[in-house]
C-alpha atoms as a PDB file:
ATOM      1  CA  MET A   1       0.716 -15.000  16.943  1.00  0.00           C
ATOM      2  CA  ASN A   2       1.843 -13.475  20.239  1.00  0.00           C
ATOM      3  CA  GLU A   3       2.123 -15.081  23.664  1.00  0.00           C
ATOM      4  CA  GLN A   4      -1.319 -13.953  24.834  1.00  0.00           C
ATOM      5  CA  GLU A   5      -2.945 -15.407  21.723  1.00  0.00           C
ATOM      6  CA  ARG A   6      -1.095 -18.695  22.233  1.00  0.00           C
ATOM      7  CA  THR A   7      -2.407 -18.828  25.809  1.00  0.00           C
ATOM      8  CA  LEU A   8      -5.969 -18.164  24.625  1.00  0.00           C
ATOM      9  CA  LEU A   9      -5.662 -20.797  21.923  1.00  0.00           C
ATOM     10  CA  ASN A  10      -4.246 -23.488  24.208  1.00  0.00           C
ATOM     11  CA  GLN A  11      -6.896 -22.886  26.887  1.00  0.00           C
ATOM     12  CA  ALA A  12      -9.731 -23.014  24.346  1.00  0.00           C
ATOM     13  CA  VAL A  13      -8.419 -26.214  22.774  1.00  0.00           C
ATOM     14  CA  THR A  14      -7.988 -27.829  26.209  1.00  0.00           C
ATOM     15  CA  ALA A  15     -11.552 -26.908  27.218  1.00  0.00           C
ATOM     16  CA  ALA A  16     -12.989 -28.266  23.955  1.00  0.00           C
ATOM     17  CA  ALA A  17     -11.044 -31.522  24.190  1.00  0.00           C
ATOM     18  CA  LYS A  18     -12.181 -32.042  27.784  1.00  0.00           C
ATOM     19  CA  LEU A  19     -15.858 -31.540  26.946  1.00  0.00           C
ATOM     20  CA  THR A  20     -15.932 -33.572  23.731  1.00  0.00           C
ATOM     21  CA  GLY A  21     -13.395 -36.313  24.421  1.00  0.00           C
ATOM     22  CA  LEU A  22     -11.836 -35.667  21.016  1.00  0.00           C
ATOM     23  CA  ASP A  23      -8.141 -35.280  20.278  1.00  0.00           C
ATOM     24  CA  ILE A  24      -7.765 -31.594  19.353  1.00  0.00           C
ATOM     25  CA  SER A  25      -4.345 -30.197  18.518  1.00  0.00           C
ATOM     26  CA  VAL A  26      -2.807 -26.974  17.225  1.00  0.00           C
ATOM     27  CA  ASP A  27      -0.536 -26.979  14.169  1.00  0.00           C
ATOM     28  CA  ARG A  28       1.566 -24.124  12.864  1.00  0.00           C
ATOM     29  CA  ALA A  29      -0.164 -22.321   9.992  1.00  0.00           C
ATOM     30  CA  PRO A  30       1.354 -22.711   6.533  1.00  0.00           C
ATOM     31  CA  GLY A  31       0.725 -20.129   3.810  1.00  0.00           C
ATOM     32  CA  GLN A  32      -2.741 -20.524   2.326  1.00  0.00           C
ATOM     33  CA  ASP A  33      -3.308 -18.826  -1.008  1.00  0.00           C
ATOM     34  CA  GLY A  34      -1.783 -15.623   0.315  1.00  0.00           C
ATOM     35  CA  LYS A  35      -4.223 -15.459   3.242  1.00  0.00           C
ATOM     36  CA  ARG A  36      -2.851 -14.881   6.724  1.00  0.00           C
ATOM     37  CA  ILE A  37      -4.240 -17.401   9.183  1.00  0.00           C
ATOM     38  CA  ASP A  38      -3.277 -17.766  12.824  1.00  0.00           C
ATOM     39  CA  CYS A  39      -2.941 -21.551  12.948  1.00  0.00           C
ATOM     40  CA  ILE A  40      -4.510 -24.874  11.973  1.00  0.00           C
ATOM     41  CA  ILE A  41      -6.594 -26.806  14.507  1.00  0.00           C
ATOM     42  CA  THR A  42      -6.925 -30.519  13.845  1.00  0.00           C
ATOM     43  CA  ILE A  43      -9.744 -32.609  15.313  1.00  0.00           C
ATOM     44  CA  ARG A  44      -9.281 -36.361  15.501  1.00  0.00           C
ATOM     45  CA  GLY A  45     -11.768 -38.961  16.663  1.00  0.00           C
ATOM     46  CA  GLN A  46     -14.458 -41.368  15.484  1.00  0.00           C
ATOM     47  CA  GLY A  47     -11.992 -42.644  12.911  1.00  0.00           C
ATOM     48  CA  SER A  48     -11.813 -39.267  11.160  1.00  0.00           C
ATOM     49  CA  GLU A  49      -9.520 -36.250  11.048  1.00  0.00           C
ATOM     50  CA  VAL A  50     -10.455 -32.674  10.138  1.00  0.00           C
ATOM     51  CA  SER A  51      -8.030 -29.725   9.904  1.00  0.00           C
ATOM     52  CA  LEU A  52      -9.455 -26.207  10.126  1.00  0.00           C
ATOM     53  CA  PRO A  53      -7.761 -22.866   9.395  1.00  0.00           C
ATOM     54  CA  THR A  54      -8.255 -20.829  12.553  1.00  0.00           C
ATOM     55  CA  GLU A  55      -8.808 -17.147  13.253  1.00  0.00           C
ATOM     56  CA  ILE A  56      -8.175 -15.797  16.760  1.00  0.00           C
ATOM     57  CA  VAL A  57     -10.364 -12.839  17.770  1.00  0.00           C
ATOM     58  CA  ARG A  58      -9.406 -11.332  21.088  1.00  0.00           C
ATOM     59  CA  ASN A  59     -12.602  -9.363  21.712  1.00  0.00           C
ATOM     60  CA  LEU A  60     -15.717 -10.713  20.030  1.00  0.00           C
ATOM     61  CA  THR A  61     -18.695  -8.376  20.305  1.00  0.00           C
ATOM     62  CA  LYS A  62     -22.143  -8.270  18.739  1.00  0.00           C
ATOM     63  CA  THR A  63     -21.075  -5.669  16.184  1.00  0.00           C
ATOM     64  CA  ALA A  64     -17.914  -7.602  15.297  1.00  0.00           C
ATOM     65  CA  ILE A  65     -19.724 -10.838  14.413  1.00  0.00           C
ATOM     66  CA  GLY A  66     -20.507  -9.770  10.833  1.00  0.00           C
ATOM     67  CA  PRO A  67     -16.917  -8.789   9.956  1.00  0.00           C
ATOM     68  CA  VAL A  68     -15.572 -11.910  11.665  1.00  0.00           C
ATOM     69  CA  ALA A  69     -17.994 -14.126   9.742  1.00  0.00           C
ATOM     70  CA  ALA A  70     -16.920 -12.484   6.478  1.00  0.00           C
ATOM     71  CA  LYS A  71     -13.264 -13.115   7.243  1.00  0.00           C
ATOM     72  CA  ILE A  72     -13.890 -16.752   8.180  1.00  0.00           C
ATOM     73  CA  ARG A  73     -15.808 -17.234   4.921  1.00  0.00           C
ATOM     74  CA  ASN A  74     -12.910 -15.679   3.031  1.00  0.00           C
ATOM     75  CA  PHE A  75     -10.814 -18.753   3.762  1.00  0.00           C
ATOM     76  CA  GLY A  76     -12.832 -20.502   1.073  1.00  0.00           C
ATOM     77  CA  GLY A  77     -13.792 -23.569   3.098  1.00  0.00           C
ATOM     78  CA  PRO A  78     -14.531 -24.748   6.641  1.00  0.00           C
ATOM     79  CA  ALA A  79     -12.644 -22.639   9.182  1.00  0.00           C
ATOM     80  CA  LEU A  80     -12.747 -22.004  12.922  1.00  0.00           C
ATOM     81  CA  LEU A  81     -13.052 -18.990  15.238  1.00  0.00           C
ATOM     82  CA  VAL A  82     -11.333 -18.983  18.641  1.00  0.00           C
ATOM     83  CA  THR A  83     -12.286 -16.228  21.080  1.00  0.00           C
ATOM     84  CA  PRO A  84     -12.347 -15.743  24.880  1.00  0.00           C
ATOM     85  CA  TYR A  85     -16.111 -16.030  25.401  1.00  0.00           C
ATOM     86  CA  VAL A  86     -19.266 -16.633  23.374  1.00  0.00           C
ATOM     87  CA  ASN A  87     -22.580 -16.057  25.144  1.00  0.00           C
ATOM     88  CA  ARG A  88     -25.847 -17.714  24.107  1.00  0.00           C
ATOM     89  CA  ASN A  89     -26.969 -14.933  21.794  1.00  0.00           C
ATOM     90  CA  MET A  90     -23.602 -14.752  20.050  1.00  0.00           C
ATOM     91  CA  ALA A  91     -23.495 -18.544  19.777  1.00  0.00           C
ATOM     92  CA  GLU A  92     -26.875 -18.629  18.051  1.00  0.00           C
ATOM     93  CA  ARG A  93     -25.788 -15.864  15.690  1.00  0.00           C
ATOM     94  CA  LEU A  94     -22.545 -17.637  14.784  1.00  0.00           C
ATOM     95  CA  LYS A  95     -24.417 -20.905  14.331  1.00  0.00           C
ATOM     96  CA  THR A  96     -26.917 -19.210  11.988  1.00  0.00           C
ATOM     97  CA  LEU A  97     -24.042 -17.748   9.980  1.00  0.00           C
ATOM     98  CA  GLY A  98     -22.320 -21.144   9.836  1.00  0.00           C
ATOM     99  CA  VAL A  99     -19.205 -20.075  11.756  1.00  0.00           C
ATOM    100  CA  PRO A 100     -17.641 -22.842  13.915  1.00  0.00           C
ATOM    101  CA  PHE A 101     -16.097 -21.584  17.173  1.00  0.00           C
ATOM    102  CA  LEU A 102     -14.341 -22.472  20.418  1.00  0.00           C
ATOM    103  CA  ASP A 103     -14.032 -20.362  23.569  1.00  0.00           C
ATOM    104  CA  LEU A 104     -12.174 -20.605  26.890  1.00  0.00           C
ATOM    105  CA  SER A 105     -15.228 -21.924  28.726  1.00  0.00           C
ATOM    106  CA  GLY A 106     -15.868 -24.908  26.469  1.00  0.00           C
ATOM    107  CA  ASN A 107     -18.698 -23.318  24.482  1.00  0.00           C
ATOM    108  CA  LEU A 108     -18.279 -24.540  20.931  1.00  0.00           C
ATOM    109  CA  PHE A 109     -19.918 -25.149  17.604  1.00  0.00           C
ATOM    110  CA  ILE A 110     -18.444 -27.588  15.106  1.00  0.00           C
ATOM    111  CA  ASN A 111     -20.397 -28.432  11.968  1.00  0.00           C
ATOM    112  CA  VAL A 112     -17.828 -30.143   9.777  1.00  0.00           C
ATOM    113  CA  PRO A 113     -18.626 -33.773   8.849  1.00  0.00           C
ATOM    114  CA  PRO A 114     -18.428 -36.134  10.591  1.00  0.00           C
ATOM    115  CA  TYR A 115     -18.614 -33.791  13.575  1.00  0.00           C
ATOM    116  CA  PHE A 116     -21.662 -31.871  14.709  1.00  0.00           C
ATOM    117  CA  ILE A 117     -21.192 -30.478  18.208  1.00  0.00           C
ATOM    118  CA  TYR A 118     -22.956 -27.550  19.800  1.00  0.00           C
ATOM    119  CA  VAL A 119     -22.319 -26.574  23.427  1.00  0.00           C
ATOM    120  CA  VAL A 120     -23.615 -23.306  24.918  1.00  0.00           C
ATOM    121  CA  GLY A 121     -24.276 -21.904  28.364  1.00  0.00           C
ATOM    122  CA  GLN A 122     -20.916 -22.649  29.946  1.00  0.00           C
ATOM    123  CA  ALA A 123     -20.003 -19.980  32.516  1.00  0.00           C
ATOM    124  CA  ARG A 124     -17.388 -17.419  31.542  1.00  0.00           C
ATOM    125  CA  ALA A 125     -13.902 -18.673  32.362  1.00  0.00           C
ATOM    126  CA  GLU A 126     -11.145 -16.442  33.701  1.00  0.00           C
ATOM    127  CA  GLU A 127      -9.351 -14.860  30.801  1.00  0.00           C
ATOM    128  CA  THR A 128      -6.345 -12.747  30.034  1.00  0.00           C
ATOM    129  CA  SER A 129      -6.900  -9.081  29.192  1.00  0.00           C
ATOM    130  CA  PHE A 130      -5.803  -8.499  25.635  1.00  0.00           C
ATOM    131  CA  ALA A 131      -4.589  -4.995  24.858  1.00  0.00           C
ATOM    132  CA  GLN A 132      -5.431  -3.527  21.472  1.00  0.00           C
ATOM    133  CA  GLY A 133      -2.641  -2.212  19.287  1.00  0.00           C
ATOM    134  CA  THR A 134      -2.328   1.564  19.283  1.00  0.00           C
ATOM    135  CA  ALA A 135      -2.957   1.696  15.525  1.00  0.00           C
ATOM    136  CA  PHE A 136      -6.526   0.514  16.019  1.00  0.00           C
ATOM    137  CA  ASN A 137      -7.867   3.127  18.404  1.00  0.00           C
ATOM    138  CA  PRO A 138     -10.619   5.370  16.950  1.00  0.00           C
ATOM    139  CA  MET A 139      -8.255   8.097  15.703  1.00  0.00           C
ATOM    140  CA  GLY A 140      -5.826   5.527  14.342  1.00  0.00           C
ATOM    141  CA  LEU A 141      -8.682   3.894  12.449  1.00  0.00           C
ATOM    142  CA  GLN A 142      -9.320   7.208  10.686  1.00  0.00           C
ATOM    143  CA  VAL A 143      -5.697   7.271   9.528  1.00  0.00           C
ATOM    144  CA  ILE A 144      -5.826   3.648   8.354  1.00  0.00           C
ATOM    145  CA  PHE A 145      -9.023   4.392   6.444  1.00  0.00           C
ATOM    146  CA  THR A 146      -7.272   7.171   4.523  1.00  0.00           C
ATOM    147  CA  LEU A 147      -4.369   4.866   3.665  1.00  0.00           C
ATOM    148  CA  LEU A 148      -6.658   2.056   2.523  1.00  0.00           C
ATOM    149  CA  CYS A 149      -8.744   4.365   0.349  1.00  0.00           C
ATOM    150  CA  MET A 150      -5.707   6.043  -1.214  1.00  0.00           C
ATOM    151  CA  THR A 151      -2.879   3.549  -0.830  1.00  0.00           C
ATOM    152  CA  GLU A 152      -0.293   5.870  -2.382  1.00  0.00           C
ATOM    153  CA  ARG A 153      -0.925   8.300   0.510  1.00  0.00           C
ATOM    154  CA  VAL A 154       1.272   6.201   2.811  1.00  0.00           C
ATOM    155  CA  SER A 155       4.363   7.965   1.413  1.00  0.00           C
ATOM    156  CA  SER A 156       2.875  11.452   1.817  1.00  0.00           C
ATOM    157  CA  ALA A 157       3.950  13.981   4.435  1.00  0.00           C
ATOM    158  CA  TYR A 158       2.395  13.460   7.858  1.00  0.00           C
ATOM    159  CA  ARG A 159       0.572  16.812   7.649  1.00  0.00           C
ATOM    160  CA  ASP A 160      -1.197  15.730   4.446  1.00  0.00           C
ATOM    161  CA  ILE A 161      -2.282  12.419   5.943  1.00  0.00           C
ATOM    162  CA  ALA A 162      -3.463  14.261   9.055  1.00  0.00           C
ATOM    163  CA  GLU A 163      -5.524  16.688   6.975  1.00  0.00           C
ATOM    164  CA  ASP A 164      -7.175  13.906   4.993  1.00  0.00           C
ATOM    165  CA  SER A 165      -7.896  11.875   8.151  1.00  0.00           C
ATOM    166  CA  GLY A 166      -9.078  14.677  10.437  1.00  0.00           C
ATOM    167  CA  VAL A 167      -6.514  13.859  13.145  1.00  0.00           C
ATOM    168  CA  SER A 168      -3.369  15.377  14.676  1.00  0.00           C
ATOM    169  CA  LEU A 169       0.197  14.978  13.414  1.00  0.00           C
ATOM    170  CA  GLY A 170       1.014  12.981  16.556  1.00  0.00           C
ATOM    171  CA  THR A 171      -1.765  10.509  15.800  1.00  0.00           C
ATOM    172  CA  VAL A 172      -0.421   9.990  12.283  1.00  0.00           C
ATOM    173  CA  ALA A 173       3.133   9.417  13.572  1.00  0.00           C
ATOM    174  CA  ASN A 174       1.998   6.936  16.238  1.00  0.00           C
ATOM    175  CA  THR A 175      -0.323   5.076  13.878  1.00  0.00           C
ATOM    176  CA  LEU A 176       2.245   4.684  11.104  1.00  0.00           C
ATOM    177  CA  ALA A 177       4.851   3.491  13.615  1.00  0.00           C
ATOM    178  CA  ALA A 178       2.417   0.897  15.006  1.00  0.00           C
ATOM    179  CA  LEU A 179       1.496  -0.263  11.494  1.00  0.00           C
ATOM    180  CA  GLU A 180       5.169  -0.666  10.656  1.00  0.00           C
ATOM    181  CA  ARG A 181       5.717  -2.756  13.793  1.00  0.00           C
ATOM    182  CA  GLY A 182       2.743  -4.882  12.801  1.00  0.00           C
ATOM    183  CA  GLY A 183       4.077  -5.544   9.314  1.00  0.00           C
ATOM    184  CA  TYR A 184       1.490  -3.414   7.528  1.00  0.00           C
ATOM    185  CA  ILE A 185       3.928  -0.715   6.386  1.00  0.00           C
ATOM    186  CA  VAL A 186       7.328  -1.310   4.857  1.00  0.00           C
ATOM    187  CA  ASP A 187      10.058   1.350   4.735  1.00  0.00           C
ATOM    188  CA  MET A 188      11.390   1.341   1.174  1.00  0.00           C
ATOM    189  CA  GLY A 189      14.246   3.771   1.869  1.00  0.00           C
ATOM    190  CA  ASN A 190      14.557   6.394  -0.870  1.00  0.00           C
ATOM    191  CA  ARG A 191      11.322   5.120  -2.415  1.00  0.00           C
ATOM    192  CA  GLY A 192       9.323   6.059   0.655  1.00  0.00           C
ATOM    193  CA  ARG A 193       6.841   3.847   2.493  1.00  0.00           C
ATOM    194  CA  ALA A 194       4.544   1.130   1.121  1.00  0.00           C
ATOM    195  CA  LEU A 195       1.527  -0.694   2.508  1.00  0.00           C
ATOM    196  CA  ALA A 196       1.876  -4.441   3.022  1.00  0.00           C
ATOM    197  CA  ASN A 197      -0.641  -7.187   3.796  1.00  0.00           C
ATOM    198  CA  VAL A 198      -3.361  -4.780   2.667  1.00  0.00           C
ATOM    199  CA  GLU A 199      -6.147  -7.347   2.501  1.00  0.00           C
ATOM    200  CA  GLU A 200      -5.448  -8.431   6.061  1.00  0.00           C
ATOM    201  CA  LEU A 201      -5.246  -4.815   7.216  1.00  0.00           C
ATOM    202  CA  SER A 202      -8.591  -4.016   5.597  1.00  0.00           C
ATOM    203  CA  ARG A 203     -10.286  -6.980   7.248  1.00  0.00           C
ATOM    204  CA  ARG A 204      -8.853  -5.949  10.613  1.00  0.00           C
ATOM    205  CA  TRP A 205      -9.952  -2.350  10.023  1.00  0.00           C
ATOM    206  CA  VAL A 206     -13.512  -3.397   9.204  1.00  0.00           C
ATOM    207  CA  MET A 207     -13.825  -5.395  12.413  1.00  0.00           C
ATOM    208  CA  GLU A 208     -12.363  -2.648  14.606  1.00  0.00           C
ATOM    209  CA  TYR A 209     -14.408   0.021  12.804  1.00  0.00           C
ATOM    210  CA  ALA A 210     -17.656  -1.718  13.698  1.00  0.00           C
ATOM    211  CA  GLU A 211     -16.705  -1.931  17.354  1.00  0.00           C
ATOM    212  CA  ARG A 212     -14.598   1.141  18.090  1.00  0.00           C
ATOM    213  CA  LEU A 213     -15.176   3.953  15.581  1.00  0.00           C
ATOM    214  CA  ARG A 214     -18.642   3.565  14.087  1.00  0.00           C
ATOM    215  CA  PRO A 215     -20.459   3.950  17.456  1.00  0.00           C
ATOM    216  CA  LYS A 216     -18.635   7.271  17.995  1.00  0.00           C
ATOM    217  CA  LEU A 217     -19.836   8.526  14.609  1.00  0.00           C
ATOM    218  CA  PHE A 218     -23.484   7.668  15.264  1.00  0.00           C
ATOM    219  CA  MET A 219     -25.705  10.771  15.397  1.00  0.00           C
ATOM    220  CA  GLY A 220     -29.215   9.338  15.584  1.00  0.00           C
ATOM    221  CA  ARG A 221     -32.039   7.382  13.960  1.00  0.00           C
ATOM    222  CA  TYR A 222     -35.089   8.863  12.312  1.00  0.00           C
ATOM    223  CA  SER A 223     -38.293   8.066  10.482  1.00  0.00           C
ATOM    224  CA  PRO A 224     -39.509   9.963   7.404  1.00  0.00           C
ATOM    225  CA  THR A 225     -42.795  11.818   7.734  1.00  0.00           C
ATOM    226  CA  GLU A 226     -43.718  10.933   4.151  1.00  0.00           C
ATOM    227  CA  PRO A 227     -44.239   7.229   3.277  1.00  0.00           C
ATOM    228  CA  THR A 228     -42.804   7.684  -0.208  1.00  0.00           C
ATOM    229  CA  TRP A 229     -39.592   9.389   1.005  1.00  0.00           C
ATOM    230  CA  SER A 230     -36.377   7.851  -0.341  1.00  0.00           C
ATOM    231  CA  ALA A 231     -32.690   8.518   0.028  1.00  0.00           C
ATOM    232  CA  PRO A 232     -31.890  11.900  -1.533  1.00  0.00           C
ATOM    233  CA  GLY A 233     -28.766  12.988  -3.291  1.00  0.00           C
ATOM    234  CA  GLY A 234     -26.898  16.055  -2.148  1.00  0.00           C
ATOM    235  CA  THR A 235     -23.578  17.721  -1.453  1.00  0.00           C
ATOM    236  CA  SER A 236     -23.784  17.745   2.351  1.00  0.00           C
ATOM    237  CA  HIS A 237     -23.952  13.987   2.896  1.00  0.00           C
ATOM    238  CA  PHE A 238     -22.944  10.594   1.499  1.00  0.00           C
ATOM    239  CA  LEU A 239     -24.980   7.423   1.125  1.00  0.00           C
ATOM    240  CA  GLY A 240     -23.653   4.410   3.013  1.00  0.00           C
ATOM    241  CA  GLY A 241     -24.616   0.897   4.035  1.00  0.00           C
ATOM    242  CA  GLU A 242     -27.588  -0.842   2.435  1.00  0.00           C
ATOM    243  CA  THR A 243     -28.680   2.353   0.679  1.00  0.00           C
ATOM    244  CA  ALA A 244     -25.488   2.664  -1.338  1.00  0.00           C
ATOM    245  CA  ALA A 245     -25.042  -1.096  -1.774  1.00  0.00           C
ATOM    246  CA  ALA A 246     -28.490  -1.434  -3.329  1.00  0.00           C
ATOM    247  CA  LEU A 247     -27.672   1.234  -5.900  1.00  0.00           C
ATOM    248  CA  LEU A 248     -24.234  -0.220  -6.654  1.00  0.00           C
ATOM    249  CA  THR A 249     -25.257  -3.878  -6.956  1.00  0.00           C
ATOM    250  CA  ASP A 250     -29.033  -4.025  -7.424  1.00  0.00           C
ATOM    251  CA  HIS A 251     -28.736  -7.032  -5.118  1.00  0.00           C
ATOM    252  CA  LEU A 252     -30.930  -6.120  -2.141  1.00  0.00           C
ATOM    253  CA  LYS A 253     -33.784  -3.925  -1.011  1.00  0.00           C
ATOM    254  CA  PRO A 254     -32.507  -1.699   1.808  1.00  0.00           C
ATOM    255  CA  ALA A 255     -34.298  -1.932   5.127  1.00  0.00           C
ATOM    256  CA  MET A 256     -32.043   0.747   6.630  1.00  0.00           C
ATOM    257  CA  GLN A 257     -31.042   3.987   4.916  1.00  0.00           C
ATOM    258  CA  THR A 258     -27.612   5.181   6.063  1.00  0.00           C
ATOM    259  CA  PHE A 259     -26.240   8.702   5.638  1.00  0.00           C
ATOM    260  CA  TYR A 260     -22.822  10.104   6.507  1.00  0.00           C
ATOM    261  CA  LEU A 261     -23.227  13.823   7.133  1.00  0.00           C
ATOM    262  CA  LYS A 262     -20.725  16.565   6.362  1.00  0.00           C
ATOM    263  CA  GLY A 263     -23.023  19.215   7.790  1.00  0.00           C
ATOM    264  CA  GLU A 264     -25.260  19.618  10.829  1.00  0.00           C
ATOM    265  CA  LEU A 265     -27.672  16.860  11.803  1.00  0.00           C
ATOM    266  CA  LYS A 266     -30.559  19.240  12.489  1.00  0.00           C
ATOM    267  CA  ASP A 267     -30.194  20.844   9.057  1.00  0.00           C
ATOM    268  CA  PHE A 268     -30.348  17.438   7.374  1.00  0.00           C
ATOM    269  CA  ALA A 269     -33.355  16.356   9.459  1.00  0.00           C
ATOM    270  CA  ILE A 270     -35.289  19.559   8.775  1.00  0.00           C
ATOM    271  CA  ALA A 271     -34.512  19.588   5.050  1.00  0.00           C
ATOM    272  CA  ASN A 272     -35.765  16.011   4.695  1.00  0.00           C
ATOM    273  CA  ARG A 273     -38.659  16.251   7.200  1.00  0.00           C
ATOM    274  CA  LEU A 274     -37.323  13.494   9.415  1.00  0.00           C
ATOM    275  CA  LYS A 275     -38.490  12.879  12.963  1.00  0.00           C
ATOM    276  CA  LYS A 276     -36.474  11.302  15.766  1.00  0.00           C
ATOM    277  CA  ASP A 277     -37.190   7.605  16.197  1.00  0.00           C
ATOM    278  CA  PRO A 278     -34.798   5.207  18.020  1.00  0.00           C
ATOM    279  CA  GLN A 279     -36.157   2.368  15.877  1.00  0.00           C
ATOM    280  CA  GLY A 280     -36.466   4.355  12.651  1.00  0.00           C
ATOM    281  CA  PRO A 281     -35.187   3.140   9.265  1.00  0.00           C
ATOM    282  CA  VAL A 282     -32.897   6.151   8.714  1.00  0.00           C
ATOM    283  CA  GLU A 283     -29.555   6.366  10.507  1.00  0.00           C
ATOM    284  CA  CYS A 284     -27.180   9.323  10.431  1.00  0.00           C
ATOM    285  CA  LEU A 285     -23.455   9.223  11.128  1.00  0.00           C
ATOM    286  CA  LYS A 286     -20.682  11.793  10.957  1.00  0.00           C
ATOM    287  CA  ALA A 287     -18.529  11.760   7.819  1.00  0.00           C
ATOM    288  CA  PHE A 288     -15.044  11.878   9.346  1.00  0.00           C
ATOM    289  CA  TRP A 289     -12.897  11.732   6.193  1.00  0.00           C
ATOM    290  CA  ARG A 290     -11.836  14.977   4.522  1.00  0.00           C
ATOM    291  CA  PHE A 291     -10.747  13.806   1.098  1.00  0.00           C
ATOM    292  CA  ASP A 292     -12.696  13.328  -2.128  1.00  0.00           C
ATOM    293  CA  TYR A 293     -12.730   9.639  -2.923  1.00  0.00           C
ATOM    294  CA  PRO A 294     -11.685   9.098  -6.567  1.00  0.00           C
ATOM    295  CA  TRP A 295     -14.585   7.172  -8.065  1.00  0.00           C
ATOM    296  CA  ASP A 296     -17.668   7.700 -10.210  1.00  0.00           C
ATOM    297  CA  HIS A 297     -20.181   7.559  -7.344  1.00  0.00           C
ATOM    298  CA  GLY A 298     -19.446  10.860  -5.656  1.00  0.00           C
ATOM    299  CA  ARG A 299     -22.625  11.048  -3.593  1.00  0.00           C
ATOM    300  CA  MET A 300     -21.784   7.716  -1.958  1.00  0.00           C
ATOM    301  CA  ALA A 301     -19.343   7.032   0.866  1.00  0.00           C
ATOM    302  CA  PRO A 302     -16.101   5.282  -0.155  1.00  0.00           C
ATOM    303  CA  PRO A 303     -16.659   1.559  -0.820  1.00  0.00           C
ATOM    304  CA  LEU A 304     -14.725   0.492   2.288  1.00  0.00           C
ATOM    305  CA  ILE A 305     -17.316   2.291   4.435  1.00  0.00           C
ATOM    306  CA  ILE A 306     -20.198   0.690   2.530  1.00  0.00           C
ATOM    307  CA  TYR A 307     -18.578  -2.728   2.919  1.00  0.00           C
ATOM    308  CA  ALA A 308     -17.985  -2.173   6.653  1.00  0.00           C
ATOM    309  CA  ASP A 309     -21.574  -0.996   7.214  1.00  0.00           C
ATOM    310  CA  LEU A 310     -22.964  -4.140   5.607  1.00  0.00           C
ATOM    311  CA  LEU A 311     -20.775  -6.413   7.728  1.00  0.00           C
ATOM    312  CA  ALA A 312     -21.521  -4.494  10.925  1.00  0.00           C
ATOM    313  CA  SER A 313     -25.235  -5.233  10.458  1.00  0.00           C
ATOM    314  CA  GLY A 314     -24.619  -8.974  10.836  1.00  0.00           C
ATOM    315  CA  ASP A 315     -27.527  -9.619   8.459  1.00  0.00           C
ATOM    316  CA  PRO A 316     -26.845 -12.675   6.228  1.00  0.00           C
ATOM    317  CA  ARG A 317     -28.292 -10.953   3.139  1.00  0.00           C
ATOM    318  CA  ASN A 318     -25.970  -8.011   3.756  1.00  0.00           C
ATOM    319  CA  LEU A 319     -22.935 -10.280   4.170  1.00  0.00           C
ATOM    320  CA  GLU A 320     -23.551 -11.689   0.702  1.00  0.00           C
ATOM    321  CA  THR A 321     -23.883  -8.207  -0.792  1.00  0.00           C
ATOM    322  CA  ALA A 322     -20.760  -7.094   1.090  1.00  0.00           C
ATOM    323  CA  GLU A 323     -18.684  -9.674  -0.737  1.00  0.00           C
ATOM    324  CA  ILE A 324     -19.984  -8.324  -4.064  1.00  0.00           C
ATOM    325  CA  ILE A 325     -18.881  -4.832  -3.017  1.00  0.00           C
ATOM    326  CA  HIS A 326     -15.501  -6.214  -1.997  1.00  0.00           C
ATOM    327  CA  GLU A 327     -14.979  -8.071  -5.252  1.00  0.00           C
ATOM    328  CA  ARG A 328     -16.057  -5.194  -7.499  1.00  0.00           C
ATOM    329  CA  PHE A 329     -14.549  -2.201  -5.741  1.00  0.00           C
ATOM    330  CA  LEU A 330     -12.007  -3.194  -3.087  1.00  0.00           C
ATOM    331  CA  THR A 331     -10.149  -6.093  -4.681  1.00  0.00           C
ATOM    332  CA  PRO A 332      -9.062  -3.958  -7.695  1.00  0.00           C
ATOM    333  CA  LEU A 333      -8.023  -1.144  -5.328  1.00  0.00           C
ATOM    334  CA  PHE A 334      -5.890  -3.360  -3.089  1.00  0.00           C
ATOM    335  CA  ALA A 335      -4.402  -5.178  -6.095  1.00  0.00           C
ATOM    336  CA  ARG A 336      -2.415  -2.019  -6.885  1.00  0.00           C
ATOM    337  CA  THR A 337      -0.255  -2.549  -3.802  1.00  0.00           C
ATOM    338  CA  ARG A 338       0.940  -6.027  -4.798  1.00  0.00           C
END
């Protein structure tokens, strides 16, 4: 936790204590089943004491709520989100998803017996500007995606990583240096480089992807002209999101069909007789990766993309399916780095 995060945390705790009259304190975070948590917040009052693992999110947005909720749930029990500001709509969404939170203004939701507290509508308090690490800009996210999909790639030459990621050599150098500073890459000397804290890195990537990279990849939404049209296979695109998840898990009926295109948008739309529709059930995004993902579902996007799409939707049914995708396809992949 850096100094800015400590300031955010202390201000949020002070605001919550003032509004509720409870004794709320911050404890240093111990290790918790290998999961990295920022701290423990303890609430005391009414003759009871509750300690909650806490996740600090420096820039909570609508698209980040799904990934944040998934990470909070990953703690395996009641946990708490601390963030600079939660507006009414975000508060309702977090409440629906069962995610307790505190912000700088005193907006909060606690639903851990014996406490049930819900405060919304407090005006935005003055906050510190939190700079994002250079590794998590849009181009850096493309590099991280390559490394997470093919973890052995971290020891490859920069030019090979750049080719797979669709970025410049300078971007690769800057991203790897930032990841090393952040503890996500370890220099093994003669044995090359190795990824570290991969699960944490993947969770961070998913959240930043939803907010910073995915919107840049968006190409448009469409409606099919034929009622019976369904997601086609092909060599010029990959299935993502609910479309792919439904085929992989048989756990949901997709409301949105997501395609990552290698070719031109107009060619895809014409070939499939799609018409532009801002509210349509077909969304098209650019496929930015340039490598062939090594799995048996070649017409689908890599599982990390599918997982991220589901979380970005913020839909509770998709969050449940996302965890199935994670358990089946990502956990075995990341286990190789341990």
